[in-house]
Amino acid sequence: MVISCDDPNYPEDIWNEDDAGGPSPVVTS
């Protein structure tokens, strides 16, 4: 599952640490 910053409703704490603070945080699960 891929969650992108295009979804304003997803919790920030699911971001990968590598992406935290990035311009376009994306987490792949």
PDB file of N, CA and C in Angstrom:
ATOM      1  N   MET A   1       0.844  -1.206   0.000  1.00  0.00           N
ATOM      2  CA  MET A   1       0.000   0.000   0.000  1.00  0.00           C
ATOM      3  C   MET A   1       0.873   1.248   0.000  1.00  0.00           C
ATOM      4  N   VAL A   2       0.521   2.200  -0.832  1.00  0.00           N
ATOM      5  CA  VAL A   2       1.279   3.447  -0.897  1.00  0.00           C
ATOM      6  C   VAL A   2       0.388   4.602  -0.464  1.00  0.00           C
ATOM      7  N   ILE A   3       0.889   5.397   0.472  1.00  0.00           N
ATOM      8  CA  ILE A   3       0.133   6.547   0.961  1.00  0.00           C
ATOM      9  C   ILE A   3       0.947   7.808   0.673  1.00  0.00           C
ATOM     10  N   SER A   4       0.360   8.761   0.005  1.00  0.00           N
ATOM     11  CA  SER A   4       1.100   9.963  -0.359  1.00  0.00           C
ATOM     12  C   SER A   4       0.568  11.180   0.381  1.00  0.00           C
ATOM     13  N   CYS A   5       1.326  12.260   0.336  1.00  0.00           N
ATOM     14  CA  CYS A   5       0.936  13.481   1.028  1.00  0.00           C
ATOM     15  C   CYS A   5      -0.274  14.122   0.353  1.00  0.00           C
ATOM     16  N   ASP A   6      -0.724  13.528  -0.750  1.00  0.00           N
ATOM     17  CA  ASP A   6      -1.918  14.038  -1.408  1.00  0.00           C
ATOM     18  C   ASP A   6      -3.155  13.825  -0.541  1.00  0.00           C
ATOM     19  N   ASP A   7      -3.042  12.908   0.430  1.00  0.00           N
ATOM     20  CA  ASP A   7      -4.152  12.656   1.344  1.00  0.00           C
ATOM     21  C   ASP A   7      -3.917  13.417   2.647  1.00  0.00           C
ATOM     22  N   PRO A   8      -4.645  14.518   2.871  1.00  0.00           N
ATOM     23  CA  PRO A   8      -4.429  15.381   4.032  1.00  0.00           C
ATOM     24  C   PRO A   8      -4.891  14.745   5.334  1.00  0.00           C
ATOM     25  N   ASN A   9      -5.586  13.619   5.243  1.00  0.00           N
ATOM     26  CA  ASN A   9      -6.187  13.019   6.429  1.00  0.00           C
ATOM     27  C   ASN A   9      -5.365  11.904   7.048  1.00  0.00           C
ATOM     28  N   TYR A  10      -4.242  11.533   6.418  1.00  0.00           N
ATOM     29  CA  TYR A  10      -3.481  10.437   7.001  1.00  0.00           C
ATOM     30  C   TYR A  10      -2.500  10.959   8.043  1.00  0.00           C
ATOM     31  N   PRO A  11      -2.298  10.189   9.110  1.00  0.00           N
ATOM     32  CA  PRO A  11      -1.472  10.617  10.242  1.00  0.00           C
ATOM     33  C   PRO A  11       0.006  10.722   9.882  1.00  0.00           C
ATOM     34  N   GLU A  12       0.651  11.781  10.360  1.00  0.00           N
ATOM     35  CA  GLU A  12       2.058  12.008  10.050  1.00  0.00           C
ATOM     36  C   GLU A  12       2.948  10.907  10.600  1.00  0.00           C
ATOM     37  N   ASP A  13       2.498  10.271  11.694  1.00  0.00           N
ATOM     38  CA  ASP A  13       3.367   9.313  12.372  1.00  0.00           C
ATOM     39  C   ASP A  13       3.532   8.001  11.595  1.00  0.00           C
ATOM     40  N   ILE A  14       2.850   7.855  10.458  1.00  0.00           N
ATOM     41  CA  ILE A  14       3.042   6.648   9.650  1.00  0.00           C
ATOM     42  C   ILE A  14       4.148   6.835   8.614  1.00  0.00           C
ATOM     43  N   TRP A  15       4.668   8.060   8.512  1.00  0.00           N
ATOM     44  CA  TRP A  15       5.740   8.309   7.559  1.00  0.00           C
ATOM     45  C   TRP A  15       6.981   7.529   7.967  1.00  0.00           C
ATOM     46  N   ASN A  16       7.730   7.101   6.956  1.00  0.00           N
ATOM     47  CA  ASN A  16       9.033   6.497   7.229  1.00  0.00           C
ATOM     48  C   ASN A  16       9.967   7.573   7.760  1.00  0.00           C
ATOM     49  N   GLU A  17      10.846   7.208   8.684  1.00  0.00           N
ATOM     50  CA  GLU A  17      11.757   8.182   9.272  1.00  0.00           C
ATOM     51  C   GLU A  17      12.619   8.843   8.198  1.00  0.00           C
ATOM     52  N   ASP A  18      12.947   8.090   7.148  1.00  0.00           N
ATOM     53  CA  ASP A  18      13.786   8.629   6.079  1.00  0.00           C
ATOM     54  C   ASP A  18      13.071   9.759   5.338  1.00  0.00           C
ATOM     55  N   ASP A  19      11.741   9.710   5.366  1.00  0.00           N
ATOM     56  CA  ASP A  19      10.964  10.696   4.635  1.00  0.00           C
ATOM     57  C   ASP A  19      10.479  11.833   5.530  1.00  0.00           C
ATOM     58  N   ALA A  20      10.627  11.657   6.841  1.00  0.00           N
ATOM     59  CA  ALA A  20      10.111  12.653   7.775  1.00  0.00           C
ATOM     60  C   ALA A  20      10.775  14.010   7.525  1.00  0.00           C
ATOM     61  N   GLY A  21       9.968  15.048   7.404  1.00  0.00           N
ATOM     62  CA  GLY A  21      10.502  16.387   7.205  1.00  0.00           C
ATOM     63  C   GLY A  21      10.808  16.664   5.742  1.00  0.00           C
ATOM     64  N   GLY A  22      10.578  15.687   4.888  1.00  0.00           N
ATOM     65  CA  GLY A  22      10.821  15.870   3.461  1.00  0.00           C
ATOM     66  C   GLY A  22       9.720  16.703   2.824  1.00  0.00           C
ATOM     67  N   PRO A  23       9.941  17.147   1.612  1.00  0.00           N
ATOM     68  CA  PRO A  23       8.996  18.003   0.903  1.00  0.00           C
ATOM     69  C   PRO A  23       7.753  17.236   0.455  1.00  0.00           C
ATOM     70  N   SER A  24       7.892  15.927   0.305  1.00  0.00           N
ATOM     71  CA  SER A  24       6.792  15.119  -0.208  1.00  0.00           C
ATOM     72  C   SER A  24       6.834  13.724   0.400  1.00  0.00           C
ATOM     73  N   PRO A  25       6.482  13.624   1.682  1.00  0.00           N
ATOM     74  CA  PRO A  25       6.602  12.361   2.412  1.00  0.00           C
ATOM     75  C   PRO A  25       5.692  11.265   1.862  1.00  0.00           C
ATOM     76  N   VAL A  26       6.277  10.096   1.597  1.00  0.00           N
ATOM     77  CA  VAL A  26       5.510   8.960   1.097  1.00  0.00           C
ATOM     78  C   VAL A  26       5.948   7.705   1.834  1.00  0.00           C
ATOM     79  N   VAL A  27       4.989   6.935   2.299  1.00  0.00           N
ATOM     80  CA  VAL A  27       5.317   5.682   2.979  1.00  0.00           C
ATOM     81  C   VAL A  27       4.793   4.509   2.168  1.00  0.00           C
ATOM     82  N   THR A  28       5.630   3.478   2.031  1.00  0.00           N
ATOM     83  CA  THR A  28       5.209   2.285   1.291  1.00  0.00           C
ATOM     84  C   THR A  28       5.159   1.106   2.235  1.00  0.00           C
ATOM     85  N   SER A  29       3.978   0.509   2.355  1.00  0.00           N
ATOM     86  CA  SER A  29       3.821  -0.620   3.262  1.00  0.00           C
ATOM     87  C   SER A  29       3.471  -1.872   2.468  1.00  0.00           C
TER      88      SER A  29
END
